[in-house]
Amino acid sequence: MRNEALTGYLLHQRPYQEKRALYYLFSWQHGVVHGIGKKGAPLFEPLQLFATGKRDLKTFSQIGLLPVEDSFTKDATTPKPTRYQQISGQQQYAALYLNEILWKLLPSEDPMPVLWQYYQDSLTQLKQPLTATALRLCLRQFEAYLFQELGFSLTLAHDNLLTPIEPDTDYRFLSDVGFVATNQPDKTTINTLQTLFTGADIIDMARLGIVEATLNNWSRLHKHLIDHLLDYQPLQSRLLWQQQQRYQ
């Protein structure tokens, strides 16, 4: 890149020397781009900047807020980001969670414009008043888009032996295998690498998708997949969210 204009959102930053920071930018043009720039760029706001450099670590310059009229949208009905409308409360922890899983899971400089748009739409949603259920639905739906971009296809129609899911059968979900039928499982032996579902639950998930009635099961399944992709390393945003819940 040589003084290339980028549009994106900061996913993560950390200090680098006295007046600069190391930034992880989720750009519309090139996916996640690593760069060094002047400190002070905000999270959760669309930015425009210029990137220069042939190696993995670029130099960012002229970092500023993207004018609202220039914001990217899928279509005319998609709301554009509202300047200075802050994300607060639990929704701020949710936005930090989205940022953390993106910067930890996405490869560098792999364009993902569809996922970028879903991320922008999710931030716009998180800036609105949401019930606890609506907040969880927002996160689960974004995770589903992320799994698709990463090439993870969740098969809910059949088990690992290509046998159709039966409503009266119990299944263990293994990340590298899929659903495995199990007869009268001893739930005390199910370890953290396995997640137990009834066949009826799986059929409902396939039929209804991510809705309030299936939300708890989707949450368990997605958490299992996220933990697997992260090699079971803890998420700081999740820990902060849990601490905030305890002190409420």
Protein backbone atom coordinates (compact mmCIF):
# COMPACT_ATOMS: atom_id res chain seq x y z
CA MET A 1 0.00 0.00 0.00
CA ARG A 2 1.14 3.51 -0.72
CA ASN A 3 -0.98 6.23 0.83
CA GLU A 4 -4.09 4.13 0.22
CA ALA A 5 -7.38 5.43 1.59
CA LEU A 6 -9.12 2.99 3.96
CA THR A 7 -12.51 3.05 5.63
CA GLY A 8 -13.04 0.96 8.74
CA TYR A 9 -13.49 0.46 12.46
CA LEU A 10 -10.87 -0.06 15.14
CA LEU A 11 -11.10 -3.48 16.72
CA HIS A 12 -8.19 -3.18 19.14
CA GLN A 13 -5.37 -0.83 20.06
CA ARG A 14 -2.44 -0.74 22.39
CA PRO A 15 0.22 1.90 23.18
CA TYR A 16 3.24 2.12 20.92
CA GLN A 17 5.84 4.69 21.96
CA GLU A 18 4.78 7.93 23.63
CA LYS A 19 2.38 9.44 21.12
CA ARG A 20 1.44 6.55 18.88
CA ALA A 21 -0.61 3.39 19.09
CA LEU A 22 -0.69 -0.01 17.40
CA TYR A 23 -4.08 -0.36 15.73
CA TYR A 24 -6.06 -3.30 14.40
CA LEU A 25 -8.38 -1.78 11.78
CA PHE A 26 -11.27 -3.75 10.29
CA SER A 27 -11.36 -2.10 6.88
CA TRP A 28 -13.98 -2.40 4.20
CA GLN A 29 -11.30 -2.64 1.52
CA HIS A 30 -8.80 -5.18 2.94
CA GLY A 31 -10.29 -6.74 6.07
CA VAL A 32 -8.12 -6.51 9.18
CA VAL A 33 -5.08 -4.26 8.66
CA HIS A 34 -2.42 -3.73 11.32
CA GLY A 35 -0.84 -0.30 11.54
CA ILE A 36 0.78 2.36 13.68
CA GLY A 37 -0.75 5.79 14.00
CA LYS A 38 -1.28 8.76 16.27
CA LYS A 39 -3.01 7.93 19.55
CA GLY A 40 -6.62 8.87 20.22
CA ALA A 41 -8.66 7.11 17.51
CA PRO A 42 -12.09 6.06 18.88
CA LEU A 43 -13.72 2.65 18.95
CA PHE A 44 -17.14 1.94 17.43
CA GLU A 45 -17.01 4.86 14.99
CA PRO A 46 -16.38 4.63 11.21
CA LEU A 47 -12.94 6.03 10.42
CA GLN A 48 -11.13 7.13 7.32
CA LEU A 49 -7.35 7.12 7.09
CA PHE A 50 -4.41 6.55 4.77
CA ALA A 51 -2.18 3.45 4.99
CA THR A 52 1.34 3.06 3.66
CA GLY A 53 3.68 0.07 3.78
CA LYS A 54 4.56 -3.19 2.06
CA ARG A 55 4.91 -5.29 5.21
CA ASP A 56 2.29 -6.55 7.68
CA LEU A 57 2.58 -3.45 9.86
CA LYS A 58 1.45 -0.33 8.00
CA THR A 59 1.77 3.36 8.85
CA PHE A 60 -1.60 5.05 9.39
CA SER A 61 -1.93 8.79 8.82
CA GLN A 62 -4.70 11.41 8.68
CA ILE A 63 -6.97 9.31 10.92
CA GLY A 64 -10.40 10.92 11.23
CA LEU A 65 -14.11 10.22 11.54
CA LEU A 66 -15.83 9.26 8.32
CA PRO A 67 -18.43 11.86 7.32
CA VAL A 68 -21.92 10.46 7.82
CA GLU A 69 -22.91 11.08 4.19
CA ASP A 70 -19.99 8.86 3.05
CA SER A 71 -20.90 5.86 5.22
CA PHE A 72 -21.30 2.51 3.48
CA THR A 73 -24.74 0.86 3.37
CA LYS A 74 -26.14 -2.30 1.77
CA ASP A 75 -29.19 -0.50 0.45
CA ALA A 76 -31.23 2.63 0.83
CA THR A 77 -33.15 1.27 3.83
CA THR A 78 -30.07 0.47 5.93
CA PRO A 79 -29.55 3.08 8.70
CA LYS A 80 -26.24 4.89 8.53
CA PRO A 81 -24.04 5.21 11.61
CA THR A 82 -25.15 8.09 13.81
CA ARG A 83 -22.26 10.32 14.80
CA TYR A 84 -21.61 10.74 18.52
CA GLN A 85 -24.37 8.29 19.46
CA GLN A 86 -22.57 6.29 22.14
CA ILE A 87 -22.76 2.62 23.05
CA SER A 88 -23.19 2.27 26.80
CA GLY A 89 -23.99 -0.18 29.57
CA GLN A 90 -24.17 -3.86 28.75
CA GLN A 91 -24.25 -2.99 25.06
CA GLN A 92 -20.74 -1.57 25.36
CA TYR A 93 -19.52 -4.92 26.69
CA ALA A 94 -21.30 -6.60 23.79
CA ALA A 95 -19.54 -4.32 21.28
CA LEU A 96 -16.18 -5.04 22.94
CA TYR A 97 -16.98 -8.74 22.60
CA LEU A 98 -17.60 -8.37 18.85
CA ASN A 99 -14.32 -6.50 18.49
CA GLU A 100 -12.37 -9.11 20.45
CA ILE A 101 -13.58 -12.14 18.53
CA LEU A 102 -12.94 -10.34 15.23
CA TRP A 103 -9.38 -9.27 15.93
CA LYS A 104 -8.53 -12.66 17.39
CA LEU A 105 -10.15 -14.79 14.69
CA LEU A 106 -9.93 -12.89 11.40
CA PRO A 107 -6.83 -13.31 9.21
CA SER A 108 -4.86 -10.22 8.22
CA GLU A 109 -5.63 -8.43 4.97
CA ASP A 110 -8.37 -10.80 3.82
CA PRO A 111 -11.24 -8.65 2.48
CA MET A 112 -14.62 -9.48 4.00
CA PRO A 113 -16.96 -6.67 2.89
CA VAL A 114 -20.13 -8.63 3.69
CA LEU A 115 -19.02 -9.32 7.26
CA TRP A 116 -17.86 -5.70 7.53
CA GLN A 117 -21.38 -4.55 6.66
CA TYR A 118 -22.91 -6.92 9.21
CA TYR A 119 -20.51 -5.56 11.83
CA GLN A 120 -21.50 -1.98 11.03
CA ASP A 121 -25.19 -2.90 11.20
CA SER A 122 -24.61 -4.63 14.57
CA LEU A 123 -22.94 -1.50 16.00
CA THR A 124 -25.85 0.60 14.78
CA GLN A 125 -28.22 -1.79 16.54
CA LEU A 126 -26.15 -1.68 19.74
CA LYS A 127 -26.52 2.11 19.81
CA GLN A 128 -30.29 1.70 20.21
CA PRO A 129 -32.19 0.72 23.40
CA LEU A 130 -32.35 -3.09 23.50
CA THR A 131 -33.92 -5.63 25.81
CA ALA A 132 -31.68 -8.37 27.19
CA THR A 133 -33.19 -10.81 24.69
CA ALA A 134 -32.73 -8.45 21.73
CA LEU A 135 -29.10 -7.94 22.74
CA ARG A 136 -28.44 -11.69 22.81
CA LEU A 137 -30.17 -12.13 19.44
CA CYS A 138 -27.96 -9.41 17.95
CA LEU A 139 -24.81 -11.21 19.13
CA ARG A 140 -25.92 -14.68 18.03
CA GLN A 141 -26.87 -13.43 14.58
CA PHE A 142 -23.51 -11.72 14.13
CA GLU A 143 -21.68 -14.86 15.29
CA ALA A 144 -23.56 -16.84 12.63
CA TYR A 145 -22.30 -14.44 9.93
CA LEU A 146 -18.77 -14.76 11.32
CA PHE A 147 -18.87 -18.57 11.21
CA GLN A 148 -19.99 -18.41 7.59
CA GLU A 149 -17.09 -16.11 6.65
CA LEU A 150 -14.64 -18.41 8.44
CA GLY A 151 -15.95 -21.41 6.52
CA PHE A 152 -17.75 -23.15 9.39
CA SER A 153 -20.96 -24.77 8.18
CA LEU A 154 -23.29 -25.88 10.98
CA THR A 155 -25.19 -28.95 9.82
CA LEU A 156 -28.44 -29.39 11.74
CA ALA A 157 -30.17 -31.88 9.43
CA HIS A 158 -28.11 -34.96 10.24
CA ASP A 159 -25.48 -36.34 12.61
CA ASN A 160 -21.85 -37.23 11.92
CA LEU A 161 -22.92 -40.50 10.24
CA LEU A 162 -25.29 -38.62 7.90
CA THR A 163 -28.27 -40.10 9.75
CA PRO A 164 -31.22 -37.67 10.01
CA ILE A 165 -31.60 -36.04 13.43
CA GLU A 166 -34.23 -37.89 15.47
CA PRO A 167 -36.35 -35.90 17.97
CA ASP A 168 -36.17 -38.58 20.68
CA THR A 169 -32.38 -39.03 20.52
CA ASP A 170 -29.76 -37.12 22.50
CA TYR A 171 -26.69 -35.73 20.72
CA ARG A 172 -23.27 -34.55 21.75
CA PHE A 173 -21.83 -31.72 19.64
CA LEU A 174 -18.12 -31.99 18.86
CA SER A 175 -16.59 -29.05 16.99
CA ASP A 176 -14.53 -31.13 14.57
CA VAL A 177 -17.19 -33.80 14.02
CA GLY A 178 -20.68 -32.38 14.44
CA PHE A 179 -23.62 -33.96 16.25
CA VAL A 180 -22.97 -37.45 17.56
CA ALA A 181 -25.90 -39.58 18.73
CA THR A 182 -25.58 -40.92 22.25
CA ASN A 183 -27.79 -43.33 24.17
CA GLN A 184 -28.71 -42.40 27.75
CA PRO A 185 -25.64 -40.18 28.30
CA ASP A 186 -24.28 -39.73 31.77
CA LYS A 187 -24.40 -35.94 31.96
CA THR A 188 -21.84 -35.91 34.77
CA THR A 189 -19.22 -37.19 32.32
CA ILE A 190 -19.87 -34.59 29.64
CA ASN A 191 -16.75 -32.44 29.73
CA THR A 192 -16.14 -28.92 28.50
CA LEU A 193 -15.29 -30.18 25.00
CA GLN A 194 -18.76 -31.60 24.51
CA THR A 195 -22.22 -30.01 24.43
CA LEU A 196 -25.42 -32.02 24.87
CA PHE A 197 -28.62 -31.35 22.85
CA THR A 198 -31.86 -33.20 22.35
CA GLY A 199 -32.86 -34.08 18.81
CA ALA A 200 -36.04 -32.05 19.25
CA ASP A 201 -33.96 -28.97 20.14
CA ILE A 202 -31.76 -29.39 17.04
CA ILE A 203 -34.81 -29.79 14.79
CA ASP A 204 -36.31 -26.59 16.23
CA MET A 205 -33.03 -24.74 15.69
CA ALA A 206 -32.97 -25.84 12.04
CA ARG A 207 -36.65 -24.99 11.50
CA LEU A 208 -36.85 -21.63 13.31
CA GLY A 209 -33.32 -20.27 13.07
CA ILE A 210 -32.02 -17.82 15.67
CA VAL A 211 -35.17 -16.61 17.43
CA GLU A 212 -36.18 -16.14 21.05
CA ALA A 213 -37.59 -19.68 21.35
CA THR A 214 -34.27 -21.26 20.31
CA LEU A 215 -31.94 -18.60 21.73
CA ASN A 216 -30.60 -20.55 24.71
CA ASN A 217 -29.58 -23.51 22.55
CA TRP A 218 -27.96 -21.29 19.92
CA SER A 219 -26.07 -19.50 22.70
CA ARG A 220 -24.69 -22.79 24.03
CA LEU A 221 -23.71 -23.95 20.55
CA HIS A 222 -22.07 -20.67 19.54
CA LYS A 223 -20.16 -20.36 22.81
CA HIS A 224 -18.79 -23.84 22.27
CA LEU A 225 -17.66 -22.96 18.73
CA ILE A 226 -16.13 -19.62 19.72
CA ASP A 227 -14.19 -21.28 22.56
CA HIS A 228 -13.00 -24.00 20.18
CA LEU A 229 -11.80 -21.45 17.59
CA LEU A 230 -9.96 -19.54 20.32
CA ASP A 231 -8.36 -22.74 21.64
CA TYR A 232 -10.27 -22.21 24.90
CA GLN A 233 -8.37 -19.04 25.77
CA PRO A 234 -10.49 -16.65 27.88
CA LEU A 235 -12.06 -13.57 26.33
CA GLN A 236 -11.37 -10.39 28.27
CA SER A 237 -14.66 -8.83 27.17
CA ARG A 238 -16.57 -11.85 28.47
CA LEU A 239 -14.76 -11.65 31.83
CA LEU A 240 -15.54 -7.92 32.11
CA TRP A 241 -19.19 -8.58 31.29
CA GLN A 242 -19.39 -11.29 33.96
CA GLN A 243 -17.80 -9.01 36.55
CA GLN A 244 -20.26 -6.25 35.69
CA GLN A 245 -23.16 -8.68 36.14
CA ARG A 246 -21.94 -9.71 39.60
CA TYR A 247 -21.76 -6.11 40.83
CA GLN A 248 -25.20 -5.05 39.59
